[in-house]
Amino acid sequence: MEPARPLDALNKARDKRVIIELKNNKQFIGKLKSFDIHINVVLEDVEERVNGEMTRKFEVVFIRGDTITVISTE
């Protein structure tokens, strides 16, 4: 069954790798650990990509929901 609401889709993606695109065109790829109703998210084992090139790695990243344009599963 398809998720009925956006938060249902995020719940289904919990503990899976996701790609998050930001307004500044950066991408963060990592395991979705948690989120809240503002779509603030916490990722683990994260790669930051700029123009498709991996620039940095992080153990944990908190991303503010108002900076996110797209969240997709890998």
N, C-alpha and C. Protein backbone atom coordinates (compact mmCIF):
# COMPACT_ATOMS: atom_id res chain seq x y z
N MET A 1 0.83 -1.19 0.00
CA MET A 1 0.00 0.00 0.00
C MET A 1 0.88 1.25 0.00
N GLU A 2 0.49 2.25 -0.79
CA GLU A 2 1.24 3.50 -0.87
C GLU A 2 1.01 4.33 0.39
N PRO A 3 2.06 5.04 0.83
CA PRO A 3 1.87 5.93 1.98
C PRO A 3 0.83 7.01 1.67
N ALA A 4 -0.05 7.28 2.63
CA ALA A 4 -1.14 8.24 2.42
C ALA A 4 -0.69 9.68 2.67
N ARG A 5 0.29 9.87 3.54
CA ARG A 5 0.72 11.22 3.90
C ARG A 5 2.24 11.31 3.80
N PRO A 6 2.77 12.54 3.64
CA PRO A 6 4.23 12.68 3.53
C PRO A 6 4.99 12.07 4.72
N LEU A 7 4.48 12.25 5.93
CA LEU A 7 5.19 11.69 7.08
C LEU A 7 5.16 10.16 7.06
N ASP A 8 4.10 9.57 6.46
CA ASP A 8 4.07 8.11 6.30
C ASP A 8 5.20 7.66 5.38
N ALA A 9 5.43 8.40 4.31
CA ALA A 9 6.51 8.07 3.38
C ALA A 9 7.87 8.16 4.09
N LEU A 10 8.05 9.18 4.90
CA LEU A 10 9.30 9.31 5.65
C LEU A 10 9.45 8.17 6.66
N ASN A 11 8.36 7.82 7.31
CA ASN A 11 8.41 6.71 8.27
C ASN A 11 8.83 5.43 7.59
N LYS A 12 8.35 5.20 6.38
CA LYS A 12 8.70 4.01 5.62
C LYS A 12 10.19 4.02 5.25
N ALA A 13 10.76 5.21 5.09
CA ALA A 13 12.17 5.34 4.71
C ALA A 13 13.12 5.31 5.91
N ARG A 14 12.59 5.28 7.13
CA ARG A 14 13.44 5.29 8.32
C ARG A 14 14.39 4.10 8.30
N ASP A 15 15.65 4.35 8.65
CA ASP A 15 16.72 3.34 8.66
C ASP A 15 17.12 2.87 7.26
N LYS A 16 16.67 3.59 6.23
CA LYS A 16 17.10 3.30 4.86
C LYS A 16 17.92 4.49 4.38
N ARG A 17 18.71 4.25 3.32
CA ARG A 17 19.50 5.34 2.75
C ARG A 17 18.60 6.23 1.91
N VAL A 18 18.73 7.53 2.11
CA VAL A 18 17.95 8.51 1.36
C VAL A 18 18.88 9.55 0.74
N ILE A 19 18.37 10.21 -0.27
CA ILE A 19 19.06 11.34 -0.89
C ILE A 19 18.24 12.58 -0.55
N ILE A 20 18.89 13.56 0.05
CA ILE A 20 18.22 14.81 0.38
C ILE A 20 18.89 15.92 -0.42
N GLU A 21 18.07 16.64 -1.19
CA GLU A 21 18.57 17.78 -1.95
C GLU A 21 18.13 19.05 -1.25
N LEU A 22 19.06 20.01 -1.18
CA LEU A 22 18.80 21.27 -0.49
C LEU A 22 18.62 22.42 -1.48
N LYS A 23 18.09 23.52 -0.99
CA LYS A 23 17.89 24.72 -1.81
C LYS A 23 19.20 25.23 -2.41
N ASN A 24 20.33 24.98 -1.73
CA ASN A 24 21.63 25.45 -2.24
C ASN A 24 22.27 24.45 -3.20
N ASN A 25 21.48 23.45 -3.66
CA ASN A 25 21.90 22.43 -4.63
C ASN A 25 22.89 21.41 -4.08
N LYS A 26 23.13 21.40 -2.78
CA LYS A 26 23.92 20.32 -2.18
C LYS A 26 23.03 19.10 -2.01
N GLN A 27 23.65 17.93 -1.99
CA GLN A 27 22.94 16.69 -1.69
C GLN A 27 23.60 16.04 -0.48
N PHE A 28 22.77 15.44 0.36
CA PHE A 28 23.25 14.64 1.47
C PHE A 28 22.65 13.26 1.30
N ILE A 29 23.52 12.25 1.33
CA ILE A 29 23.08 10.86 1.17
C ILE A 29 23.48 10.11 2.43
N GLY A 30 22.49 9.53 3.10
CA GLY A 30 22.78 8.81 4.33
C GLY A 30 21.56 8.07 4.82
N LYS A 31 21.72 7.41 5.97
CA LYS A 31 20.64 6.63 6.56
C LYS A 31 19.75 7.55 7.38
N LEU A 32 18.45 7.55 7.05
CA LEU A 32 17.49 8.39 7.77
C LEU A 32 17.24 7.80 9.15
N LYS A 33 17.60 8.55 10.18
CA LYS A 33 17.41 8.06 11.54
C LYS A 33 16.17 8.62 12.19
N SER A 34 15.89 9.91 12.00
CA SER A 34 14.71 10.49 12.62
C SER A 34 14.31 11.76 11.89
N PHE A 35 13.07 12.20 12.16
CA PHE A 35 12.53 13.43 11.58
C PHE A 35 11.41 13.91 12.48
N ASP A 36 10.99 15.16 12.26
CA ASP A 36 9.86 15.69 13.03
C ASP A 36 8.83 16.28 12.08
N ILE A 37 7.79 16.90 12.63
CA ILE A 37 6.71 17.41 11.78
C ILE A 37 7.14 18.56 10.88
N HIS A 38 8.29 19.18 11.18
CA HIS A 38 8.82 20.26 10.34
C HIS A 38 9.75 19.71 9.26
N ILE A 39 9.86 18.40 9.17
CA ILE A 39 10.75 17.68 8.26
C ILE A 39 12.22 18.01 8.53
N ASN A 40 12.54 18.43 9.77
CA ASN A 40 13.93 18.45 10.20
C ASN A 40 14.34 16.98 10.25
N VAL A 41 15.52 16.65 9.73
CA VAL A 41 15.92 15.25 9.66
C VAL A 41 17.31 15.05 10.26
N VAL A 42 17.53 13.83 10.74
CA VAL A 42 18.86 13.41 11.19
C VAL A 42 19.27 12.23 10.33
N LEU A 43 20.46 12.34 9.74
CA LEU A 43 21.04 11.27 8.93
C LEU A 43 22.31 10.77 9.59
N GLU A 44 22.61 9.48 9.39
CA GLU A 44 23.87 8.88 9.85
C GLU A 44 24.64 8.37 8.63
N ASP A 45 25.97 8.23 8.81
CA ASP A 45 26.86 7.74 7.74
C ASP A 45 26.60 8.51 6.45
N VAL A 46 26.90 9.79 6.48
CA VAL A 46 26.46 10.73 5.46
C VAL A 46 27.60 11.14 4.52
N GLU A 47 27.25 11.25 3.23
CA GLU A 47 28.13 11.85 2.23
C GLU A 47 27.49 13.15 1.77
N GLU A 48 28.29 14.19 1.71
CA GLU A 48 27.82 15.46 1.12
C GLU A 48 28.32 15.50 -0.31
N ARG A 49 27.43 15.85 -1.23
CA ARG A 49 27.82 15.97 -2.64
C ARG A 49 27.45 17.35 -3.16
N VAL A 50 28.39 17.91 -3.92
CA VAL A 50 28.17 19.19 -4.59
C VAL A 50 28.47 18.95 -6.06
N ASN A 51 27.52 19.28 -6.92
CA ASN A 51 27.66 19.02 -8.36
C ASN A 51 28.01 17.57 -8.65
N GLY A 52 27.43 16.66 -7.89
CA GLY A 52 27.64 15.23 -8.09
C GLY A 52 28.94 14.69 -7.53
N GLU A 53 29.80 15.56 -7.00
CA GLU A 53 31.09 15.13 -6.46
C GLU A 53 31.02 15.05 -4.94
N MET A 54 31.48 13.92 -4.38
CA MET A 54 31.49 13.77 -2.93
C MET A 54 32.54 14.72 -2.35
N THR A 55 32.10 15.59 -1.42
CA THR A 55 33.01 16.59 -0.86
C THR A 55 33.41 16.30 0.58
N ARG A 56 32.47 15.76 1.36
CA ARG A 56 32.77 15.49 2.77
C ARG A 56 31.97 14.29 3.25
N LYS A 57 32.42 13.71 4.38
CA LYS A 57 31.68 12.64 5.04
C LYS A 57 31.45 13.04 6.50
N PHE A 58 30.30 12.63 7.03
CA PHE A 58 29.94 12.93 8.40
C PHE A 58 29.37 11.68 9.05
N GLU A 59 29.55 11.55 10.36
CA GLU A 59 28.90 10.46 11.09
C GLU A 59 27.42 10.75 11.25
N VAL A 60 27.10 11.99 11.68
CA VAL A 60 25.71 12.38 11.92
C VAL A 60 25.52 13.81 11.41
N VAL A 61 24.37 14.05 10.75
CA VAL A 61 24.04 15.38 10.26
C VAL A 61 22.58 15.68 10.62
N PHE A 62 22.34 16.89 11.09
CA PHE A 62 20.98 17.41 11.31
C PHE A 62 20.71 18.41 10.19
N ILE A 63 19.62 18.24 9.49
CA ILE A 63 19.27 19.15 8.39
C ILE A 63 17.92 19.78 8.69
N ARG A 64 17.88 21.12 8.64
CA ARG A 64 16.62 21.84 8.87
C ARG A 64 15.66 21.60 7.72
N GLY A 65 14.43 21.33 8.05
CA GLY A 65 13.42 21.03 7.05
C GLY A 65 13.20 22.15 6.05
N ASP A 66 13.35 23.41 6.47
CA ASP A 66 13.06 24.51 5.54
C ASP A 66 14.16 24.72 4.50
N THR A 67 15.24 23.93 4.57
CA THR A 67 16.29 24.01 3.54
C THR A 67 16.16 22.89 2.51
N ILE A 68 15.26 21.93 2.75
CA ILE A 68 15.13 20.73 1.91
C ILE A 68 14.15 20.99 0.76
N THR A 69 14.56 20.56 -0.45
CA THR A 69 13.64 20.62 -1.59
C THR A 69 13.13 19.22 -1.97
N VAL A 70 13.98 18.19 -1.84
CA VAL A 70 13.60 16.83 -2.24
C VAL A 70 14.18 15.82 -1.27
N ILE A 71 13.37 14.81 -0.93
CA ILE A 71 13.87 13.63 -0.21
C ILE A 71 13.44 12.42 -1.02
N SER A 72 14.39 11.56 -1.36
CA SER A 72 14.05 10.34 -2.10
C SER A 72 14.87 9.17 -1.57
N THR A 73 14.33 7.97 -1.76
CA THR A 73 15.09 6.79 -1.39
C THR A 73 16.10 6.51 -2.48
N GLU A 74 17.20 5.89 -2.11
CA GLU A 74 18.29 5.65 -3.05
C GLU A 74 17.95 4.59 -4.06
